Amino acid sequence: MALTNTAQSATHISFSAPFAAFGRAVVRMAERHPCMRQIEKLNNTSDEELAARGLTRDDVVRHIFRERFYI
């Protein structure tokens, strides 16, 4: 049986905590963005509905961000 020690020093935890909090905040902001909602909506549609719109699953992100980025 192998034993693993996962204890971290208090200094390491206190130093990385603000960066972890910032990272979580950025992820929450990205998830709330309207583009992400559109991507989720299109990902939840069937392949037949996407085909009726002239899209495939591979085209969803490109379709959403076509106005903002050259992808």
N, C-alpha and C. Protein backbone atom coordinates (compact mmCIF):
# COMPACT_ATOMS: atom_id res chain seq x y z
N MET A 1 0.85 -1.17 0.00
CA MET A 1 0.00 0.00 0.00
C MET A 1 0.90 1.23 0.00
N ALA A 2 0.58 2.18 -0.85
CA ALA A 2 1.37 3.41 -0.93
C ALA A 2 0.69 4.49 -0.11
N LEU A 3 1.48 5.25 0.57
CA LEU A 3 0.98 6.37 1.35
C LEU A 3 1.37 7.67 0.66
N THR A 4 0.45 8.58 0.60
CA THR A 4 0.72 9.86 -0.03
C THR A 4 0.45 10.97 0.96
N ASN A 5 1.38 11.87 1.07
CA ASN A 5 1.23 13.01 1.97
C ASN A 5 0.80 14.21 1.14
N THR A 6 -0.41 14.70 1.36
CA THR A 6 -0.92 15.82 0.58
C THR A 6 -0.99 17.11 1.39
N ALA A 7 -0.38 17.11 2.54
CA ALA A 7 -0.41 18.31 3.38
C ALA A 7 0.40 19.42 2.72
N GLN A 8 -0.14 20.62 2.75
CA GLN A 8 0.55 21.78 2.21
C GLN A 8 0.82 22.74 3.35
N SER A 9 1.88 23.49 3.18
CA SER A 9 2.21 24.45 4.23
C SER A 9 1.21 25.59 4.23
N ALA A 10 1.04 26.22 5.36
CA ALA A 10 0.10 27.35 5.49
C ALA A 10 0.56 28.51 4.63
N THR A 11 1.86 28.67 4.46
CA THR A 11 2.38 29.77 3.63
C THR A 11 1.97 29.57 2.18
N HIS A 12 2.08 28.35 1.70
CA HIS A 12 1.71 28.06 0.32
C HIS A 12 0.22 28.32 0.10
N ILE A 13 -0.60 27.89 1.02
CA ILE A 13 -2.05 28.07 0.90
C ILE A 13 -2.41 29.55 0.95
N SER A 14 -1.83 30.29 1.87
CA SER A 14 -2.18 31.71 1.99
C SER A 14 -1.67 32.52 0.80
N PHE A 15 -0.56 32.09 0.20
CA PHE A 15 -0.03 32.81 -0.96
C PHE A 15 -0.86 32.54 -2.21
N SER A 16 -1.34 31.32 -2.37
CA SER A 16 -2.07 30.96 -3.58
C SER A 16 -3.56 31.28 -3.49
N ALA A 17 -4.09 31.53 -2.32
CA ALA A 17 -5.52 31.77 -2.15
C ALA A 17 -6.05 32.94 -2.98
N PRO A 18 -5.37 34.10 -3.00
CA PRO A 18 -5.90 35.20 -3.82
C PRO A 18 -5.92 34.87 -5.31
N PHE A 19 -4.91 34.12 -5.78
CA PHE A 19 -4.88 33.75 -7.19
C PHE A 19 -5.98 32.75 -7.52
N ALA A 20 -6.24 31.83 -6.62
CA ALA A 20 -7.32 30.87 -6.83
C ALA A 20 -8.67 31.59 -6.84
N ALA A 21 -8.86 32.54 -5.95
CA ALA A 21 -10.11 33.30 -5.91
C ALA A 21 -10.29 34.11 -7.19
N PHE A 22 -9.20 34.71 -7.66
CA PHE A 22 -9.26 35.48 -8.91
C PHE A 22 -9.62 34.56 -10.08
N GLY A 23 -9.02 33.39 -10.12
CA GLY A 23 -9.32 32.43 -11.18
C GLY A 23 -10.78 32.00 -11.16
N ARG A 24 -11.32 31.74 -9.97
CA ARG A 24 -12.73 31.36 -9.87
C ARG A 24 -13.64 32.50 -10.33
N ALA A 25 -13.26 33.75 -10.00
CA ALA A 25 -14.07 34.90 -10.42
C ALA A 25 -14.07 35.04 -11.94
N VAL A 26 -12.93 34.84 -12.57
CA VAL A 26 -12.84 34.94 -14.03
C VAL A 26 -13.70 33.86 -14.69
N VAL A 27 -13.66 32.66 -14.15
CA VAL A 27 -14.48 31.57 -14.69
C VAL A 27 -15.96 31.89 -14.55
N ARG A 28 -16.37 32.41 -13.40
CA ARG A 28 -17.78 32.78 -13.21
C ARG A 28 -18.20 33.87 -14.19
N MET A 29 -17.34 34.86 -14.41
CA MET A 29 -17.67 35.92 -15.37
C MET A 29 -17.82 35.34 -16.78
N ALA A 30 -16.93 34.45 -17.16
CA ALA A 30 -17.00 33.85 -18.50
C ALA A 30 -18.26 33.01 -18.66
N GLU A 31 -18.63 32.29 -17.62
CA GLU A 31 -19.83 31.45 -17.70
C GLU A 31 -21.10 32.27 -17.79
N ARG A 32 -21.09 33.49 -17.28
CA ARG A 32 -22.28 34.35 -17.32
C ARG A 32 -22.39 35.15 -18.62
N HIS A 33 -21.37 35.12 -19.43
CA HIS A 33 -21.35 35.91 -20.66
C HIS A 33 -22.44 35.41 -21.62
N PRO A 34 -23.11 36.31 -22.31
CA PRO A 34 -24.18 35.91 -23.24
C PRO A 34 -23.71 34.93 -24.31
N CYS A 35 -22.47 35.04 -24.75
CA CYS A 35 -21.97 34.09 -25.76
C CYS A 35 -21.96 32.67 -25.21
N MET A 36 -21.61 32.53 -23.96
CA MET A 36 -21.59 31.20 -23.36
C MET A 36 -23.00 30.63 -23.28
N ARG A 37 -23.97 31.49 -22.99
CA ARG A 37 -25.36 31.03 -22.96
C ARG A 37 -25.82 30.57 -24.34
N GLN A 38 -25.39 31.30 -25.38
CA GLN A 38 -25.74 30.89 -26.74
C GLN A 38 -25.10 29.55 -27.10
N ILE A 39 -23.86 29.36 -26.69
CA ILE A 39 -23.17 28.10 -26.95
C ILE A 39 -23.91 26.96 -26.25
N GLU A 40 -24.29 27.16 -24.99
CA GLU A 40 -25.02 26.12 -24.26
C GLU A 40 -26.36 25.81 -24.94
N LYS A 41 -27.03 26.86 -25.40
CA LYS A 41 -28.32 26.67 -26.06
C LYS A 41 -28.16 25.84 -27.34
N LEU A 42 -27.15 26.18 -28.14
CA LEU A 42 -26.94 25.42 -29.37
C LEU A 42 -26.43 24.01 -29.09
N ASN A 43 -25.65 23.84 -28.05
CA ASN A 43 -25.17 22.50 -27.70
C ASN A 43 -26.31 21.61 -27.22
N ASN A 44 -27.37 22.21 -26.70
CA ASN A 44 -28.51 21.43 -26.22
C ASN A 44 -29.52 21.11 -27.33
N THR A 45 -29.32 21.65 -28.52
CA THR A 45 -30.22 21.35 -29.63
C THR A 45 -29.79 20.05 -30.30
N SER A 46 -30.71 19.45 -31.00
CA SER A 46 -30.40 18.19 -31.68
C SER A 46 -29.60 18.46 -32.95
N ASP A 47 -28.98 17.41 -33.47
CA ASP A 47 -28.21 17.55 -34.71
C ASP A 47 -29.11 17.95 -35.87
N GLU A 48 -30.35 17.49 -35.85
CA GLU A 48 -31.29 17.84 -36.92
C GLU A 48 -31.61 19.33 -36.89
N GLU A 49 -31.81 19.87 -35.68
CA GLU A 49 -32.10 21.30 -35.56
C GLU A 49 -30.89 22.14 -35.98
N LEU A 50 -29.70 21.68 -35.63
CA LEU A 50 -28.50 22.39 -36.06
C LEU A 50 -28.37 22.35 -37.58
N ALA A 51 -28.66 21.20 -38.17
CA ALA A 51 -28.58 21.08 -39.63
C ALA A 51 -29.59 22.00 -40.30
N ALA A 52 -30.76 22.18 -39.69
CA ALA A 52 -31.76 23.10 -40.25
C ALA A 52 -31.25 24.53 -40.23
N ARG A 53 -30.37 24.85 -39.29
CA ARG A 53 -29.77 26.18 -39.22
C ARG A 53 -28.50 26.28 -40.07
N GLY A 54 -28.12 25.18 -40.68
CA GLY A 54 -26.91 25.16 -41.49
C GLY A 54 -25.64 25.03 -40.67
N LEU A 55 -25.75 24.43 -39.48
CA LEU A 55 -24.60 24.29 -38.59
C LEU A 55 -24.34 22.83 -38.27
N THR A 56 -23.11 22.56 -37.87
CA THR A 56 -22.75 21.28 -37.28
C THR A 56 -22.25 21.57 -35.87
N ARG A 57 -22.04 20.54 -35.07
CA ARG A 57 -21.53 20.74 -33.71
C ARG A 57 -20.17 21.42 -33.74
N ASP A 58 -19.37 21.12 -34.75
CA ASP A 58 -18.04 21.73 -34.85
C ASP A 58 -18.12 23.22 -35.17
N ASP A 59 -19.22 23.68 -35.74
CA ASP A 59 -19.36 25.08 -36.14
C ASP A 59 -19.96 25.98 -35.07
N VAL A 60 -20.42 25.42 -33.96
CA VAL A 60 -21.16 26.20 -32.97
C VAL A 60 -20.33 27.36 -32.43
N VAL A 61 -19.14 27.09 -31.93
CA VAL A 61 -18.31 28.15 -31.34
C VAL A 61 -17.91 29.16 -32.40
N ARG A 62 -17.54 28.68 -33.57
CA ARG A 62 -17.17 29.58 -34.66
C ARG A 62 -18.35 30.49 -35.03
N HIS A 63 -19.54 29.93 -35.04
CA HIS A 63 -20.74 30.69 -35.36
C HIS A 63 -21.01 31.78 -34.32
N ILE A 64 -20.85 31.46 -33.05
CA ILE A 64 -21.12 32.41 -31.97
C ILE A 64 -20.10 33.55 -31.98
N PHE A 65 -18.83 33.22 -32.16
CA PHE A 65 -17.78 34.23 -32.06
C PHE A 65 -17.37 34.83 -33.40
N ARG A 66 -18.13 34.59 -34.46
CA ARG A 66 -17.75 35.09 -35.79
C ARG A 66 -17.66 36.61 -35.85
N GLU A 67 -18.46 37.30 -35.04
CA GLU A 67 -18.45 38.76 -35.04
C GLU A 67 -17.26 39.33 -34.26
N ARG A 68 -16.76 38.57 -33.30
CA ARG A 68 -15.72 39.08 -32.40
C ARG A 68 -14.31 38.69 -32.81
N PHE A 69 -14.17 37.47 -33.32
CA PHE A 69 -12.84 36.94 -33.63
C PHE A 69 -12.84 36.34 -35.02
N TYR A 70 -11.67 36.34 -35.63
CA TYR A 70 -11.50 35.63 -36.88
C TYR A 70 -11.03 34.24 -36.55
N ILE A 71 -11.95 33.28 -36.58
CA ILE A 71 -11.61 31.90 -36.23
C ILE A 71 -11.68 31.05 -37.48
